[in-house]
Amino acid sequence: QAEGGHVTTAHAAKCQGLTPTHLLQQVLPMEKLGLLR
């Protein structure tokens, strides 16, 4: 939301303090719930 609704996965991983793999593990359930794409 703060970044205008759209960020690269690399930026999101860095901001969250996660590796890309760990970010994907977080994102997949959120995508299934329709919270993000």
Full PDB file with SEQRES, HELIX, SHEET, SSBOND, CRYST1, ORIGX, SCALE, CONECT and MASTER records, all heavy atoms in Angstrom:
SEQRES   1 A   37  GLN ALA GLU GLY GLY HIS VAL THR THR ALA HIS ALA ALA          
SEQRES   2 A   37  LYS CYS GLN GLY LEU THR PRO THR HIS LEU LEU GLN GLN          
SEQRES   3 A   37  VAL LEU PRO MET GLU LYS LEU GLY LEU LEU ARG                  
HELIX    1 AA1 THR A    9  GLN A   16  1                                   8    
HELIX    2 AA2 PRO A   20  LYS A   32  1                                  13    
CRYST1    1.000    1.000    1.000  90.00  90.00  90.00 P 1           1          
ORIGX1      1.000000  0.000000  0.000000        0.00000                         
ORIGX2      0.000000  1.000000  0.000000        0.00000                         
ORIGX3      0.000000  0.000000  1.000000        0.00000                         
SCALE1      1.000000  0.000000  0.000000        0.00000                         
SCALE2      0.000000  1.000000  0.000000        0.00000                         
SCALE3      0.000000  0.000000  1.000000        0.00000                         
ATOM      1  N   GLN A   1       0.835  -1.205   0.000  1.00  0.00           N  
ATOM      2  CA  GLN A   1       0.000   0.000   0.000  1.00  0.00           C  
ATOM      3  C   GLN A   1       0.871   1.257   0.000  1.00  0.00           C  
ATOM      4  O   GLN A   1       0.630   2.192  -0.760  1.00  0.00           O  
ATOM      5  CB  GLN A   1      -0.930  -0.002   1.215  1.00  0.00           C  
ATOM      6  CG  GLN A   1      -1.888   1.149   1.271  1.00  0.00           C  
ATOM      7  CD  GLN A   1      -3.064   0.935   0.341  1.00  0.00           C  
ATOM      8  OE1 GLN A   1      -3.275  -0.153  -0.180  1.00  0.00           O  
ATOM      9  NE2 GLN A   1      -3.834   1.970   0.127  1.00  0.00           N  
ATOM     10  N   ALA A   2       1.887   1.259   0.841  1.00  0.00           N  
ATOM     11  CA  ALA A   2       2.757   2.430   0.962  1.00  0.00           C  
ATOM     12  C   ALA A   2       3.549   2.698  -0.319  1.00  0.00           C  
ATOM     13  O   ALA A   2       3.881   3.845  -0.616  1.00  0.00           O  
ATOM     14  CB  ALA A   2       3.721   2.248   2.135  1.00  0.00           C  
ATOM     15  N   GLU A   3       3.828   1.653  -1.067  1.00  0.00           N  
ATOM     16  CA  GLU A   3       4.612   1.779  -2.298  1.00  0.00           C  
ATOM     17  C   GLU A   3       3.722   1.954  -3.527  1.00  0.00           C  
ATOM     18  O   GLU A   3       4.153   1.723  -4.647  1.00  0.00           O  
ATOM     19  CB  GLU A   3       5.509   0.547  -2.473  1.00  0.00           C  
ATOM     20  CG  GLU A   3       6.541   0.373  -1.385  1.00  0.00           C  
ATOM     21  CD  GLU A   3       7.752   1.269  -1.570  1.00  0.00           C  
ATOM     22  OE1 GLU A   3       8.014   1.706  -2.703  1.00  0.00           O  
ATOM     23  OE2 GLU A   3       8.436   1.527  -0.565  1.00  0.00           O  
ATOM     24  N   GLY A   4       2.474   2.320  -3.325  1.00  0.00           N  
ATOM     25  CA  GLY A   4       1.581   2.548  -4.446  1.00  0.00           C  
ATOM     26  C   GLY A   4       0.851   1.309  -4.925  1.00  0.00           C  
ATOM     27  O   GLY A   4       0.244   1.323  -5.990  1.00  0.00           O  
ATOM     28  N   GLY A   5       0.924   0.237  -4.150  1.00  0.00           N  
ATOM     29  CA  GLY A   5       0.176  -0.980  -4.460  1.00  0.00           C  
ATOM     30  C   GLY A   5       0.914  -2.005  -5.283  1.00  0.00           C  
ATOM     31  O   GLY A   5       0.392  -3.091  -5.540  1.00  0.00           O  
ATOM     32  N   HIS A   6       2.168  -1.706  -5.684  1.00  0.00           N  
ATOM     33  CA  HIS A   6       2.857  -2.560  -6.651  1.00  0.00           C  
ATOM     34  C   HIS A   6       4.361  -2.480  -6.400  1.00  0.00           C  
ATOM     35  O   HIS A   6       4.929  -1.385  -6.484  1.00  0.00           O  
ATOM     36  CB  HIS A   6       2.495  -2.023  -8.043  1.00  0.00           C  
ATOM     37  CG  HIS A   6       2.920  -2.844  -9.189  1.00  0.00           C  
ATOM     38  ND1 HIS A   6       2.305  -4.004  -9.545  1.00  0.00           N  
ATOM     39  CD2 HIS A   6       3.897  -2.634 -10.110  1.00  0.00           C  
ATOM     40  CE1 HIS A   6       2.871  -4.490 -10.635  1.00  0.00           C  
ATOM     41  NE2 HIS A   6       3.842  -3.663 -10.991  1.00  0.00           N  
ATOM     42  N   VAL A   7       5.012  -3.592  -6.067  1.00  0.00           N  
ATOM     43  CA  VAL A   7       6.468  -3.610  -5.847  1.00  0.00           C  
ATOM     44  C   VAL A   7       7.067  -4.871  -6.448  1.00  0.00           C  
ATOM     45  O   VAL A   7       6.377  -5.877  -6.635  1.00  0.00           O  
ATOM     46  CB  VAL A   7       6.849  -3.537  -4.351  1.00  0.00           C  
ATOM     47  CG1 VAL A   7       6.357  -2.267  -3.700  1.00  0.00           C  
ATOM     48  CG2 VAL A   7       6.375  -4.753  -3.590  1.00  0.00           C  
ATOM     49  N   THR A   8       8.362  -4.816  -6.700  1.00  0.00           N  
ATOM     50  CA  THR A   8       9.044  -6.024  -7.163  1.00  0.00           C  
ATOM     51  C   THR A   8       9.156  -6.996  -5.997  1.00  0.00           C  
ATOM     52  O   THR A   8       9.205  -6.577  -4.828  1.00  0.00           O  
ATOM     53  CB  THR A   8      10.458  -5.729  -7.698  1.00  0.00           C  
ATOM     54  OG1 THR A   8      11.271  -5.250  -6.621  1.00  0.00           O  
ATOM     55  CG2 THR A   8      10.431  -4.727  -8.843  1.00  0.00           C  
ATOM     56  N   THR A   9       9.216  -8.266  -6.317  1.00  0.00           N  
ATOM     57  CA  THR A   9       9.366  -9.259  -5.249  1.00  0.00           C  
ATOM     58  C   THR A   9      10.716  -9.091  -4.553  1.00  0.00           C  
ATOM     59  O   THR A   9      10.810  -9.297  -3.341  1.00  0.00           O  
ATOM     60  CB  THR A   9       9.208 -10.691  -5.780  1.00  0.00           C  
ATOM     61  OG1 THR A   9      10.136 -10.909  -6.840  1.00  0.00           O  
ATOM     62  CG2 THR A   9       7.798 -10.950  -6.257  1.00  0.00           C  
ATOM     63  N   ALA A  10      11.743  -8.679  -5.289  1.00  0.00           N  
ATOM     64  CA  ALA A  10      13.060  -8.470  -4.675  1.00  0.00           C  
ATOM     65  C   ALA A  10      12.991  -7.355  -3.634  1.00  0.00           C  
ATOM     66  O   ALA A  10      13.539  -7.491  -2.527  1.00  0.00           O  
ATOM     67  CB  ALA A  10      14.097  -8.148  -5.746  1.00  0.00           C  
ATOM     68  N   HIS A  11      12.310  -6.274  -3.959  1.00  0.00           N  
ATOM     69  CA  HIS A  11      12.161  -5.158  -3.014  1.00  0.00           C  
ATOM     70  C   HIS A  11      11.349  -5.599  -1.800  1.00  0.00           C  
ATOM     71  O   HIS A  11      11.701  -5.279  -0.661  1.00  0.00           O  
ATOM     72  CB  HIS A  11      11.504  -3.972  -3.714  1.00  0.00           C  
ATOM     73  CG  HIS A  11      11.296  -2.792  -2.832  1.00  0.00           C  
ATOM     74  ND1 HIS A  11      12.334  -2.031  -2.333  1.00  0.00           N  
ATOM     75  CD2 HIS A  11      10.157  -2.228  -2.336  1.00  0.00           C  
ATOM     76  CE1 HIS A  11      11.850  -1.059  -1.586  1.00  0.00           C  
ATOM     77  NE2 HIS A  11      10.532  -1.161  -1.572  1.00  0.00           N  
ATOM     78  N   ALA A  12      10.261  -6.323  -2.043  1.00  0.00           N  
ATOM     79  CA  ALA A  12       9.429  -6.793  -0.930  1.00  0.00           C  
ATOM     80  C   ALA A  12      10.219  -7.713  -0.010  1.00  0.00           C  
ATOM     81  O   ALA A  12      10.143  -7.586   1.216  1.00  0.00           O  
ATOM     82  CB  ALA A  12       8.190  -7.507  -1.464  1.00  0.00           C  
ATOM     83  N   ALA A  13      10.993  -8.624  -0.584  1.00  0.00           N  
ATOM     84  CA  ALA A  13      11.791  -9.548   0.232  1.00  0.00           C  
ATOM     85  C   ALA A  13      12.793  -8.776   1.084  1.00  0.00           C  
ATOM     86  O   ALA A  13      12.933  -9.040   2.286  1.00  0.00           O  
ATOM     87  CB  ALA A  13      12.503 -10.565  -0.660  1.00  0.00           C  
ATOM     88  N   LYS A  14      13.471  -7.816   0.476  1.00  0.00           N  
ATOM     89  CA  LYS A  14      14.457  -7.021   1.213  1.00  0.00           C  
ATOM     90  C   LYS A  14      13.802  -6.244   2.348  1.00  0.00           C  
ATOM     91  O   LYS A  14      14.293  -6.238   3.473  1.00  0.00           O  
ATOM     92  CB  LYS A  14      15.172  -6.070   0.259  1.00  0.00           C  
ATOM     93  CG  LYS A  14      16.244  -5.244   0.919  1.00  0.00           C  
ATOM     94  CD  LYS A  14      16.949  -4.347  -0.073  1.00  0.00           C  
ATOM     95  CE  LYS A  14      18.007  -3.520   0.640  1.00  0.00           C  
ATOM     96  NZ  LYS A  14      18.678  -2.607  -0.282  1.00  0.00           N  
ATOM     97  N   CYS A  15      12.670  -5.593   2.063  1.00  0.00           N  
ATOM     98  CA  CYS A  15      11.974  -4.809   3.089  1.00  0.00           C  
ATOM     99  C   CYS A  15      11.440  -5.676   4.221  1.00  0.00           C  
ATOM    100  O   CYS A  15      11.384  -5.225   5.368  1.00  0.00           O  
ATOM    101  CB  CYS A  15      10.834  -4.020   2.456  1.00  0.00           C  
ATOM    102  SG  CYS A  15      11.388  -2.658   1.423  1.00  0.00           S  
ATOM    103  N   GLN A  16      11.052  -6.903   3.911  1.00  0.00           N  
ATOM    104  CA  GLN A  16      10.512  -7.801   4.925  1.00  0.00           C  
ATOM    105  C   GLN A  16      11.620  -8.550   5.666  1.00  0.00           C  
ATOM    106  O   GLN A  16      11.349  -9.270   6.614  1.00  0.00           O  
ATOM    107  CB  GLN A  16       9.563  -8.822   4.281  1.00  0.00           C  
ATOM    108  CG  GLN A  16       8.286  -8.226   3.709  1.00  0.00           C  
ATOM    109  CD  GLN A  16       7.338  -7.742   4.774  1.00  0.00           C  
ATOM    110  OE1 GLN A  16       7.343  -6.564   5.125  1.00  0.00           O  
ATOM    111  NE2 GLN A  16       6.519  -8.617   5.289  1.00  0.00           N  
ATOM    112  N   GLY A  17      12.861  -8.423   5.191  1.00  0.00           N  
ATOM    113  CA  GLY A  17      13.973  -9.137   5.812  1.00  0.00           C  
ATOM    114  C   GLY A  17      13.929 -10.621   5.516  1.00  0.00           C  
ATOM    115  O   GLY A  17      14.288 -11.440   6.367  1.00  0.00           O  
ATOM    116  N   LEU A  18      13.475 -10.977   4.307  1.00  0.00           N  
ATOM    117  CA  LEU A  18      13.301 -12.375   3.927  1.00  0.00           C  
ATOM    118  C   LEU A  18      14.095 -12.707   2.681  1.00  0.00           C  
ATOM    119  O   LEU A  18      14.372 -11.820   1.858  1.00  0.00           O  
ATOM    120  CB  LEU A  18      11.817 -12.665   3.639  1.00  0.00           C  
ATOM    121  CG  LEU A  18      10.826 -12.462   4.773  1.00  0.00           C  
ATOM    122  CD1 LEU A  18       9.400 -12.597   4.250  1.00  0.00           C  
ATOM    123  CD2 LEU A  18      11.098 -13.457   5.878  1.00  0.00           C  
ATOM    124  N   THR A  19      14.401 -13.969   2.519  1.00  0.00           N  
ATOM    125  CA  THR A  19      14.942 -14.442   1.254  1.00  0.00           C  
ATOM    126  C   THR A  19      13.776 -14.540   0.275  1.00  0.00           C  
ATOM    127  O   THR A  19      12.612 -14.615   0.701  1.00  0.00           O  
ATOM    128  CB  THR A  19      15.586 -15.827   1.395  1.00  0.00           C  
ATOM    129  OG1 THR A  19      14.562 -16.778   1.738  1.00  0.00           O  
ATOM    130  CG2 THR A  19      16.693 -15.836   2.451  1.00  0.00           C  
ATOM    131  N   PRO A  20      14.039 -14.545  -1.032  1.00  0.00           N  
ATOM    132  CA  PRO A  20      12.940 -14.714  -1.988  1.00  0.00           C  
ATOM    133  C   PRO A  20      12.128 -15.987  -1.744  1.00  0.00           C  
ATOM    134  O   PRO A  20      10.901 -15.972  -1.887  1.00  0.00           O  
ATOM    135  CB  PRO A  20      13.657 -14.756  -3.341  1.00  0.00           C  
ATOM    136  CG  PRO A  20      14.887 -13.924  -3.120  1.00  0.00           C  
ATOM    137  CD  PRO A  20      15.306 -14.245  -1.703  1.00  0.00           C  
ATOM    138  N   THR A  21      12.768 -17.060  -1.344  1.00  0.00           N  
ATOM    139  CA  THR A  21      12.058 -18.310  -1.063  1.00  0.00           C  
ATOM    140  C   THR A  21      11.107 -18.150   0.115  1.00  0.00           C  
ATOM    141  O   THR A  21       9.958 -18.587   0.059  1.00  0.00           O  
ATOM    142  CB  THR A  21      13.056 -19.453  -0.782  1.00  0.00           C  
ATOM    143  OG1 THR A  21      13.888 -19.625  -1.933  1.00  0.00           O  
ATOM    144  CG2 THR A  21      12.339 -20.750  -0.462  1.00  0.00           C  
ATOM    145  N   HIS A  22      11.574 -17.512   1.178  1.00  0.00           N  
ATOM    146  CA  HIS A  22      10.712 -17.303   2.342  1.00  0.00           C  
ATOM    147  C   HIS A  22       9.574 -16.334   2.027  1.00  0.00           C  
ATOM    148  O   HIS A  22       8.460 -16.498   2.528  1.00  0.00           O  
ATOM    149  CB  HIS A  22      11.527 -16.819   3.542  1.00  0.00           C  
ATOM    150  CG  HIS A  22      12.317 -17.906   4.182  1.00  0.00           C  
ATOM    151  ND1 HIS A  22      13.665 -18.013   4.027  1.00  0.00           N  
ATOM    152  CD2 HIS A  22      11.931 -18.951   4.936  1.00  0.00           C  
ATOM    153  CE1 HIS A  22      14.090 -19.081   4.680  1.00  0.00           C  
ATOM    154  NE2 HIS A  22      13.057 -19.676   5.242  1.00  0.00           N  
ATOM    155  N   LEU A  23       9.844 -15.334   1.201  1.00  0.00           N  
ATOM    156  CA  LEU A  23       8.776 -14.427   0.791  1.00  0.00           C  
ATOM    157  C   LEU A  23       7.714 -15.198   0.018  1.00  0.00           C  
ATOM    158  O   LEU A  23       6.515 -15.017   0.261  1.00  0.00           O  
ATOM    159  CB  LEU A  23       9.314 -13.276  -0.064  1.00  0.00           C  
ATOM    160  CG  LEU A  23       8.237 -12.316  -0.576  1.00  0.00           C  
ATOM    161  CD1 LEU A  23       7.638 -11.516   0.570  1.00  0.00           C  
ATOM    162  CD2 LEU A  23       8.792 -11.397  -1.644  1.00  0.00           C  
ATOM    163  N   LEU A  24       8.128 -16.066  -0.878  1.00  0.00           N  
ATOM    164  CA  LEU A  24       7.174 -16.864  -1.652  1.00  0.00           C  
ATOM    165  C   LEU A  24       6.308 -17.719  -0.729  1.00  0.00           C  
ATOM    166  O   LEU A  24       5.098 -17.835  -0.935  1.00  0.00           O  
ATOM    167  CB  LEU A  24       7.895 -17.733  -2.676  1.00  0.00           C  
ATOM    168  CG  LEU A  24       7.009 -18.578  -3.573  1.00  0.00           C  
ATOM    169  CD1 LEU A  24       6.089 -17.707  -4.418  1.00  0.00           C  
ATOM    170  CD2 LEU A  24       7.862 -19.481  -4.458  1.00  0.00           C  
ATOM    171  N   GLN A  25       6.906 -18.293   0.316  1.00  0.00           N  
ATOM    172  CA  GLN A  25       6.133 -19.089   1.273  1.00  0.00           C  
ATOM    173  C   GLN A  25       5.083 -18.238   1.976  1.00  0.00           C  
ATOM    174  O   GLN A  25       4.015 -18.717   2.315  1.00  0.00           O  
ATOM    175  CB  GLN A  25       7.064 -19.738   2.308  1.00  0.00           C  
ATOM    176  CG  GLN A  25       7.917 -20.836   1.726  1.00  0.00           C  
ATOM    177  CD  GLN A  25       8.950 -21.348   2.712  1.00  0.00           C  
ATOM    178  OE1 GLN A  25       9.281 -20.694   3.708  1.00  0.00           O  
ATOM    179  NE2 GLN A  25       9.479 -22.525   2.435  1.00  0.00           N  
ATOM    180  N   GLN A  26       5.375 -16.977   2.192  1.00  0.00           N  
ATOM    181  CA  GLN A  26       4.403 -16.067   2.799  1.00  0.00           C  
ATOM    182  C   GLN A  26       3.348 -15.655   1.782  1.00  0.00           C  
ATOM    183  O   GLN A  26       2.162 -15.575   2.095  1.00  0.00           O  
ATOM    184  CB  GLN A  26       5.105 -14.828   3.351  1.00  0.00           C  
ATOM    185  CG  GLN A  26       4.138 -13.816   3.950  1.00  0.00           C  
ATOM    186  CD  GLN A  26       4.833 -12.540   4.414  1.00  0.00           C  
ATOM    187  OE1 GLN A  26       6.047 -12.374   4.285  1.00  0.00           O  
ATOM    188  NE2 GLN A  26       4.049 -11.630   4.960  1.00  0.00           N  
ATOM    189  N   VAL A  27       3.764 -15.394   0.553  1.00  0.00           N  
ATOM    190  CA  VAL A  27       2.885 -14.843  -0.476  1.00  0.00           C  
ATOM    191  C   VAL A  27       1.858 -15.857  -0.977  1.00  0.00           C  
ATOM    192  O   VAL A  27       0.703 -15.490  -1.236  1.00  0.00           O  
ATOM    193  CB  VAL A  27       3.733 -14.284  -1.639  1.00  0.00           C  
ATOM    194  CG1 VAL A  27       2.902 -14.064  -2.891  1.00  0.00           C  
ATOM    195  CG2 VAL A  27       4.423 -13.000  -1.209  1.00  0.00           C  
ATOM    196  N   LEU A  28       2.231 -17.112  -1.139  1.00  0.00           N  
ATOM    197  CA  LEU A  28       1.321 -18.097  -1.736  1.00  0.00           C  
ATOM    198  C   LEU A  28      -0.032 -18.184  -1.026  1.00  0.00           C  
ATOM    199  O   LEU A  28      -1.072 -18.111  -1.683  1.00  0.00           O  
ATOM    200  CB  LEU A  28       1.993 -19.468  -1.837  1.00  0.00           C  
ATOM    201  CG  LEU A  28       3.084 -19.572  -2.899  1.00  0.00           C  
ATOM    202  CD1 LEU A  28       3.772 -20.939  -2.819  1.00  0.00           C  
ATOM    203  CD2 LEU A  28       2.546 -19.317  -4.289  1.00  0.00           C  
ATOM    204  N   PRO A  29      -0.070 -18.331   0.300  1.00  0.00           N  
ATOM    205  CA  PRO A  29      -1.387 -18.358   0.961  1.00  0.00           C  
ATOM    206  C   PRO A  29      -2.148 -17.044   0.829  1.00  0.00           C  
ATOM    207  O   PRO A  29      -3.368 -17.031   0.684  1.00  0.00           O  
ATOM    208  CB  PRO A  29      -1.067 -18.641   2.433  1.00  0.00           C  
ATOM    209  CG  PRO A  29       0.325 -19.142   2.465  1.00  0.00           C  
ATOM    210  CD  PRO A  29       1.009 -18.612   1.247  1.00  0.00           C  
ATOM    211  N   MET A  30      -1.425 -15.926   0.838  1.00  0.00           N  
ATOM    212  CA  MET A  30      -2.078 -14.626   0.696  1.00  0.00           C  
ATOM    213  C   MET A  30      -2.667 -14.470  -0.704  1.00  0.00           C  
ATOM    214  O   MET A  30      -3.737 -13.896  -0.873  1.00  0.00           O  
ATOM    215  CB  MET A  30      -1.077 -13.500   0.979  1.00  0.00           C  
ATOM    216  CG  MET A  30      -0.576 -13.483   2.413  1.00  0.00           C  
ATOM    217  SD  MET A  30       0.688 -12.220   2.687  1.00  0.00           S  
ATOM    218  CE  MET A  30      -0.343 -10.754   2.662  1.00  0.00           C  
ATOM    219  N   GLU A  31      -1.991 -15.020  -1.680  1.00  0.00           N  
ATOM    220  CA  GLU A  31      -2.503 -14.990  -3.055  1.00  0.00           C  
ATOM    221  C   GLU A  31      -3.760 -15.853  -3.166  1.00  0.00           C  
ATOM    222  O   GLU A  31      -4.745 -15.442  -3.784  1.00  0.00           O  
ATOM    223  CB  GLU A  31      -1.422 -15.484  -4.010  1.00  0.00           C  
ATOM    224  CG  GLU A  31      -1.818 -15.399  -5.465  1.00  0.00           C  
ATOM    225  CD  GLU A  31      -0.723 -15.882  -6.394  1.00  0.00           C  
ATOM    226  OE1 GLU A  31       0.011 -16.831  -6.039  1.00  0.00           O  
ATOM    227  OE2 GLU A  31      -0.612 -15.310  -7.483  1.00  0.00           O  
ATOM    228  N   LYS A  32      -3.740 -17.018  -2.532  1.00  0.00           N  
ATOM    229  CA  LYS A  32      -4.919 -17.902  -2.562  1.00  0.00           C  
ATOM    230  C   LYS A  32      -6.117 -17.250  -1.886  1.00  0.00           C  
ATOM    231  O   LYS A  32      -7.264 -17.483  -2.280  1.00  0.00           O  
ATOM    232  CB  LYS A  32      -4.600 -19.242  -1.908  1.00  0.00           C  
ATOM    233  CG  LYS A  32      -3.721 -20.114  -2.756  1.00  0.00           C  
ATOM    234  CD  LYS A  32      -3.443 -21.438  -2.095  1.00  0.00           C  
ATOM    235  CE  LYS A  32      -2.511 -22.270  -2.962  1.00  0.00           C  
ATOM    236  NZ  LYS A  32      -2.189 -23.556  -2.354  1.00  0.00           N  
ATOM    237  N   LEU A  33      -5.870 -16.435  -0.873  1.00  0.00           N  
ATOM    238  CA  LEU A  33      -6.949 -15.718  -0.187  1.00  0.00           C  
ATOM    239  C   LEU A  33      -7.411 -14.490  -0.964  1.00  0.00           C  
ATOM    240  O   LEU A  33      -8.371 -13.828  -0.583  1.00  0.00           O  
ATOM    241  CB  LEU A  33      -6.499 -15.291   1.217  1.00  0.00           C  
ATOM    242  CG  LEU A  33      -6.289 -16.404   2.227  1.00  0.00           C  
ATOM    243  CD1 LEU A  33      -5.633 -15.854   3.485  1.00  0.00           C  
ATOM    244  CD2 LEU A  33      -7.612 -17.082   2.543  1.00  0.00           C  
ATOM    245  N   GLY A  34      -6.715 -14.156  -2.037  1.00  0.00           N  
ATOM    246  CA  GLY A  34      -7.091 -13.011  -2.855  1.00  0.00           C  
ATOM    247  C   GLY A  34      -6.630 -11.671  -2.302  1.00  0.00           C  
ATOM    248  O   GLY A  34      -7.171 -10.632  -2.669  1.00  0.00           O  
ATOM    249  N   LEU A  35      -5.627 -11.689  -1.414  1.00  0.00           N  
ATOM    250  CA  LEU A  35      -5.150 -10.448  -0.807  1.00  0.00           C  
ATOM    251  C   LEU A  35      -4.150  -9.717  -1.693  1.00  0.00           C  
ATOM    252  O   LEU A  35      -3.998  -8.509  -1.595  1.00  0.00           O  
ATOM    253  CB  LEU A  35      -4.525 -10.730   0.555  1.00  0.00           C  
ATOM    254  CG  LEU A  35      -5.442 -11.409   1.580  1.00  0.00           C  
ATOM    255  CD1 LEU A  35      -4.669 -11.742   2.841  1.00  0.00           C  
ATOM    256  CD2 LEU A  35      -6.644 -10.531   1.874  1.00  0.00           C  
ATOM    257  N   LEU A  36      -3.459 -10.469  -2.546  1.00  0.00           N  
ATOM    258  CA  LEU A  36      -2.483  -9.888  -3.454  1.00  0.00           C  
ATOM    259  C   LEU A  36      -2.362 -10.758  -4.691  1.00  0.00           C  
ATOM    260  O   LEU A  36      -2.884 -11.867  -4.733  1.00  0.00           O  
ATOM    261  CB  LEU A  36      -1.122  -9.681  -2.769  1.00  0.00           C  
ATOM    262  CG  LEU A  36      -0.453 -10.868  -2.068  1.00  0.00           C  
ATOM    263  CD1 LEU A  36       0.207 -11.812  -3.051  1.00  0.00           C  
ATOM    264  CD2 LEU A  36       0.570 -10.365  -1.085  1.00  0.00           C  
ATOM    265  N   ARG A  37      -1.681 -10.221  -5.688  1.00  0.00           N  
ATOM    266  CA  ARG A  37      -1.451 -10.956  -6.935  1.00  0.00           C  
ATOM    267  C   ARG A  37       0.032 -10.928  -7.260  1.00  0.00           C  
ATOM    268  O   ARG A  37       0.715  -9.932  -6.997  1.00  0.00           O  
ATOM    269  CB  ARG A  37      -2.218 -10.319  -8.097  1.00  0.00           C  
ATOM    270  CG  ARG A  37      -3.704 -10.453  -8.009  1.00  0.00           C  
ATOM    271  CD  ARG A  37      -4.416  -9.865  -9.220  1.00  0.00           C  
ATOM    272  NE  ARG A  37      -4.094  -8.470  -9.495  1.00  0.00           N  
ATOM    273  CZ  ARG A  37      -4.632  -7.433  -8.874  1.00  0.00           C  
ATOM    274  NH1 ARG A  37      -5.533  -7.635  -7.930  1.00  0.00           N  
ATOM    275  NH2 ARG A  37      -4.300  -6.204  -9.187  1.00  0.00           N  
TER     276      ARG A  37                                                      
MASTER        0    0    0    2    0    0    0    6  275    1    0    3          
END                                                                             
